[in-house]
Protein backbone atom coordinates (compact mmCIF):
# COMPACT_ATOMS: atom_id res chain seq x y z
CA UNK A 1 50.80 -9.19 -40.78
CA UNK A 2 50.66 -5.40 -40.55
CA UNK A 3 51.39 -3.83 -37.15
CA UNK A 4 48.19 -1.71 -37.27
CA UNK A 5 45.62 -4.14 -38.59
CA UNK A 6 41.89 -4.45 -37.78
CA UNK A 7 42.62 -6.27 -34.53
CA UNK A 8 44.51 -3.22 -33.19
CA UNK A 9 41.69 -0.86 -34.13
CA UNK A 10 39.18 -3.07 -32.25
CA UNK A 11 41.44 -3.15 -29.19
CA UNK A 12 41.93 0.66 -29.23
CA UNK A 13 38.14 1.16 -29.51
CA UNK A 14 37.56 -1.20 -26.57
CA UNK A 15 40.16 0.64 -24.44
CA UNK A 16 38.54 4.00 -25.29
CA UNK A 17 35.12 2.64 -24.28
CA UNK A 18 36.47 1.34 -20.97
CA UNK A 19 38.25 4.64 -20.31
CA UNK A 20 35.01 6.55 -20.96
CA UNK A 21 33.07 4.28 -18.60
CA UNK A 22 35.74 4.62 -15.92
CA UNK A 23 35.67 8.44 -16.17
CA UNK A 24 31.87 8.47 -15.91
CA UNK A 25 31.96 6.23 -12.82
CA UNK A 26 34.65 8.40 -11.24
CA UNK A 27 32.61 11.57 -11.77
CA UNK A 28 29.49 9.89 -10.40
CA UNK A 29 31.38 8.75 -7.30
CA UNK A 30 32.68 12.26 -6.64
CA UNK A 31 29.14 13.64 -6.27
CA UNK A 32 27.15 16.34 -7.92
CA UNK A 33 28.74 19.26 -9.69
CA UNK A 34 25.71 21.51 -9.16
CA UNK A 35 25.08 24.18 -6.53
CA UNK A 36 22.94 22.79 -3.69
CA UNK A 37 21.33 23.74 -0.38
CA UNK A 38 20.41 20.93 2.01
CA UNK A 39 19.64 19.85 5.58
CA UNK A 40 17.77 22.91 6.86
CA UNK A 41 17.20 22.91 10.62
CA UNK A 42 15.59 25.32 13.07
CA UNK A 43 15.85 26.18 16.77
CA UNK A 44 14.28 23.34 18.76
CA UNK A 45 12.00 25.39 21.00
CA UNK A 46 10.95 28.72 22.46
CA UNK A 47 9.02 29.26 25.69
CA UNK A 48 6.46 32.04 25.43
CA UNK A 49 6.36 33.92 28.77
CA UNK A 50 3.09 34.27 30.72
CA UNK A 51 1.22 37.47 29.88
CA UNK A 52 2.90 37.90 26.46
CA UNK A 53 0.82 39.57 23.75
CA UNK A 54 2.40 39.33 20.31
CA UNK A 55 5.78 39.31 22.05
CA UNK A 56 8.51 39.29 19.38
CA UNK A 57 11.23 36.68 19.32
CA UNK A 58 13.72 35.39 16.75
CA UNK A 59 13.73 31.90 15.31
CA UNK A 60 17.00 30.77 13.71
CA UNK A 61 17.43 28.36 10.81
CA UNK A 62 20.55 27.01 9.14
CA UNK A 63 21.19 25.05 5.93
CA UNK A 64 24.29 23.54 4.35
CA UNK A 65 25.34 25.18 1.09
CA UNK A 66 27.68 23.51 -1.40
CA UNK A 67 29.00 25.36 -4.44
CA UNK A 68 31.30 23.03 -6.38
CA UNK A 69 31.03 25.24 -9.47
CA UNK A 70 33.62 27.67 -10.80
CA UNK A 71 31.24 30.63 -10.37
CA UNK A 72 30.30 32.66 -7.28
CA UNK A 73 26.60 32.27 -6.43
CA UNK A 74 24.62 35.22 -5.08
CA UNK A 75 21.89 34.58 -2.51
CA UNK A 76 19.24 37.12 -3.49
CA UNK A 77 16.47 36.50 -0.96
CA UNK A 78 15.09 34.10 1.62
CA UNK A 79 11.46 33.87 2.68
CA UNK A 80 9.98 31.72 5.43
CA UNK A 81 6.61 30.16 6.27
CA UNK A 82 5.92 28.39 9.56
CA UNK A 83 3.32 25.61 9.30
CA UNK A 84 1.68 24.19 12.44
CA UNK A 85 2.27 20.42 12.29
CA UNK A 86 1.06 19.26 15.73
CA UNK A 87 -0.44 20.62 18.95
CA UNK A 88 -0.50 19.55 22.58
CA UNK A 89 -3.00 20.83 25.10
CA UNK A 90 -5.08 23.95 24.53
CA UNK A 91 -3.36 25.53 21.51
CA UNK A 92 -5.29 28.36 19.82
CA UNK A 93 -4.36 27.51 16.23
CA UNK A 94 -5.36 24.46 14.21
CA UNK A 95 -2.92 22.03 12.62
CA UNK A 96 -2.14 23.30 9.12
CA UNK A 97 -2.28 26.98 10.11
CA UNK A 98 0.48 29.02 8.47
CA UNK A 99 2.44 32.09 9.48
CA UNK A 100 4.09 33.76 6.49
CA UNK A 101 7.12 35.63 7.81
CA UNK A 102 7.86 36.99 4.32
CA UNK A 103 11.39 38.06 3.44
CA UNK A 104 13.81 37.28 6.29
CA UNK A 105 17.38 38.18 7.21
CA UNK A 106 20.14 35.85 6.06
CA UNK A 107 23.85 35.52 5.55
CA UNK A 108 26.10 35.05 3.67
CA UNK A 109 24.99 36.97 0.58
CA UNK A 110 27.49 35.19 -1.70
CA UNK A 111 28.93 31.68 -1.84
CA UNK A 112 32.37 31.57 -3.43
CA UNK A 113 33.31 29.19 -6.21
CA UNK A 114 34.35 25.72 -5.05
CA UNK A 115 33.30 26.36 -1.46
CA UNK A 116 30.85 25.30 1.23
CA UNK A 117 29.05 27.50 3.72
CA UNK A 118 26.35 27.49 6.37
CA UNK A 119 23.35 29.64 5.44
CA UNK A 120 22.17 31.47 8.59
CA UNK A 121 18.55 32.65 8.60
CA UNK A 122 16.76 34.82 11.19
CA UNK A 123 12.97 34.67 11.22
CA UNK A 124 11.02 37.23 13.24
CA UNK A 125 8.06 35.67 15.00
CA UNK A 126 5.82 36.50 17.94
CA UNK A 127 3.83 34.66 20.58
CA UNK A 128 0.84 35.27 22.83
CA UNK A 129 0.26 33.54 26.16
CA UNK A 130 -2.26 33.87 28.99
CA UNK A 131 -1.52 35.93 32.09
CA UNK A 132 -0.78 32.89 34.28
CA UNK A 133 1.67 30.03 33.74
CA UNK A 134 0.07 27.21 31.78
CA UNK A 135 -1.41 24.42 33.91
CA UNK A 136 -0.88 21.93 31.10
CA UNK A 137 1.92 21.39 28.60
CA UNK A 138 0.42 23.54 25.84
CA UNK A 139 2.60 23.72 22.74
CA UNK A 140 2.63 23.88 18.96
CA UNK A 141 5.18 22.17 16.71
CA UNK A 142 5.99 23.98 13.47
CA UNK A 143 7.80 22.94 10.33
CA UNK A 144 9.56 25.80 8.62
CA UNK A 145 9.53 26.17 4.85
CA UNK A 146 12.29 28.27 3.32
CA UNK A 147 12.39 29.61 -0.23
CA UNK A 148 15.95 30.57 -1.12
CA UNK A 149 16.37 32.52 -4.36
CA UNK A 150 19.92 32.50 -5.76
CA UNK A 151 21.68 33.26 -9.02
CA UNK A 152 21.82 29.44 -9.46
CA UNK A 153 18.04 29.00 -9.10
CA UNK A 154 15.31 28.87 -6.46
CA UNK A 155 15.41 26.24 -3.72
CA UNK A 156 12.35 25.18 -1.68
CA UNK A 157 13.36 23.58 1.60
CA UNK A 158 11.49 22.20 4.61
CA UNK A 159 13.19 21.99 8.01
CA UNK A 160 14.40 18.53 8.98
CA UNK A 161 13.22 19.18 12.55
CA UNK A 162 10.29 21.04 14.09
CA UNK A 163 10.26 24.25 16.12
CA UNK A 164 8.16 24.00 19.30
CA UNK A 165 6.53 27.05 20.84
CA UNK A 166 5.46 26.21 24.38
CA UNK A 167 3.38 28.15 26.86
CA UNK A 168 5.46 29.18 29.86
């Protein structure tokens, strides 16, 4: 019998197949190797003061950024849209109404290779409230949609929580 006969070739092929399967399973268990942005959240609430007329305030959003790639990713722009999801009391807007905040401030501008970061977003908004404190619990709950344009692609995100504007 020869030391390298057909039975050895079959065994080597089987070992190679098992090694390939094991490597695939290991890579799958380690997670994605693509740039991602996830878990966007926004400030829970803002109380609009009595007598306010288009009074400006800032709404803050954050999202988790993961760049497991070997390349730095540039964040080119972030835009935001607030969508009224629910109302309580005498709210002037209807559910489904949108406020397009357009391009908003954000940081960081770059995400280094093989790193994680927290994307910080500042959305300028405004509120209007009657001259007297509200007699009822008037409020509007908004979801916030973010469009994040990066050198790795465009990401459309919706906040995992809602932002409540309440009449003070």
